[in-house]
Amino acid sequence: MSVLIVGGDQVESLKRQVVAQGYTEVEHWHGRKKGFVKRTFSNHTRLIVMVCDYVNHSLAISLKN
């Protein structure tokens, strides 16, 4: 199972926490550029953690949908 963390700069402690919960893959998108809206995430992704400090609005809406 994998986790996608979107936003934030210092996510190492958050990565350690989700690994401790049993997730094997952790991917991080900083989400500041427009290109992130067009990205697709893996079918194995079971959890998306959005750190709302530094995510552009288009990406937040795209992930919500």
Protein backbone atom coordinates (compact mmCIF):
# COMPACT_ATOMS: atom_id res chain seq x y z
CA MET A 1 0.00 0.00 0.00
CA SER A 2 1.22 3.48 -0.72
CA VAL A 3 0.60 6.99 0.53
CA LEU A 4 0.72 10.26 -1.37
CA ILE A 5 1.66 13.35 0.64
CA VAL A 6 0.75 16.56 -1.16
CA GLY A 7 2.11 19.92 -0.04
CA GLY A 8 4.51 20.91 2.69
CA ASP A 9 8.27 21.18 2.66
CA GLN A 10 9.46 19.31 5.73
CA VAL A 11 7.53 16.04 5.54
CA GLU A 12 10.13 13.59 6.85
CA SER A 13 8.41 13.20 10.22
CA LEU A 14 5.07 12.69 8.48
CA LYS A 15 6.68 10.04 6.24
CA ARG A 16 7.98 8.19 9.30
CA GLN A 17 4.52 8.24 10.87
CA VAL A 18 2.78 6.71 7.85
CA VAL A 19 5.49 4.05 7.48
CA ALA A 20 4.93 3.18 11.15
CA GLN A 21 1.25 2.64 10.28
CA GLY A 22 2.25 -0.09 7.82
CA TYR A 23 2.41 1.72 4.48
CA THR A 24 5.30 0.58 2.31
CA GLU A 25 5.59 3.40 -0.24
CA VAL A 26 5.44 7.12 0.47
CA GLU A 27 5.43 9.62 -2.39
CA HIS A 28 5.68 13.39 -1.87
CA TRP A 29 4.48 16.10 -4.27
CA HIS A 30 5.25 19.64 -3.12
CA GLY A 31 2.36 20.85 -5.29
CA ARG A 32 3.57 24.38 -5.94
CA LYS A 33 3.72 24.24 -9.74
CA LYS A 34 0.86 24.01 -12.21
CA GLY A 35 2.24 20.77 -13.67
CA PHE A 36 1.20 18.82 -10.58
CA VAL A 37 -2.47 19.16 -11.58
CA LYS A 38 -1.83 16.88 -14.58
CA ARG A 39 0.01 14.19 -12.62
CA THR A 40 -1.65 10.89 -11.92
CA PHE A 41 -1.04 8.82 -8.85
CA SER A 42 -0.62 5.07 -8.59
CA ASN A 43 -3.54 2.66 -8.35
CA HIS A 44 -1.81 1.33 -5.24
CA THR A 45 -2.32 4.64 -3.42
CA ARG A 46 -4.64 4.05 -0.48
CA LEU A 47 -4.23 7.33 1.37
CA ILE A 48 -3.72 10.96 0.31
CA VAL A 49 -2.48 13.37 2.96
CA MET A 50 -2.84 17.01 1.93
CA VAL A 51 -0.78 19.59 3.79
CA CYS A 52 -2.64 22.75 2.79
CA ASP A 53 0.10 25.31 3.45
CA TYR A 54 1.66 25.31 0.01
CA VAL A 55 -0.66 23.63 -2.50
CA ASN A 56 -2.01 25.58 -5.45
CA HIS A 57 -5.79 25.78 -5.64
CA SER A 58 -6.12 23.88 -8.92
CA LEU A 59 -4.31 20.86 -7.50
CA ALA A 60 -6.43 20.86 -4.34
CA ILE A 61 -9.63 20.90 -6.42
CA SER A 62 -8.29 18.18 -8.74
CA LEU A 63 -7.46 15.87 -5.83
CA LYS A 64 -10.82 16.52 -4.22
CA ASN A 65 -12.61 15.41 -7.39
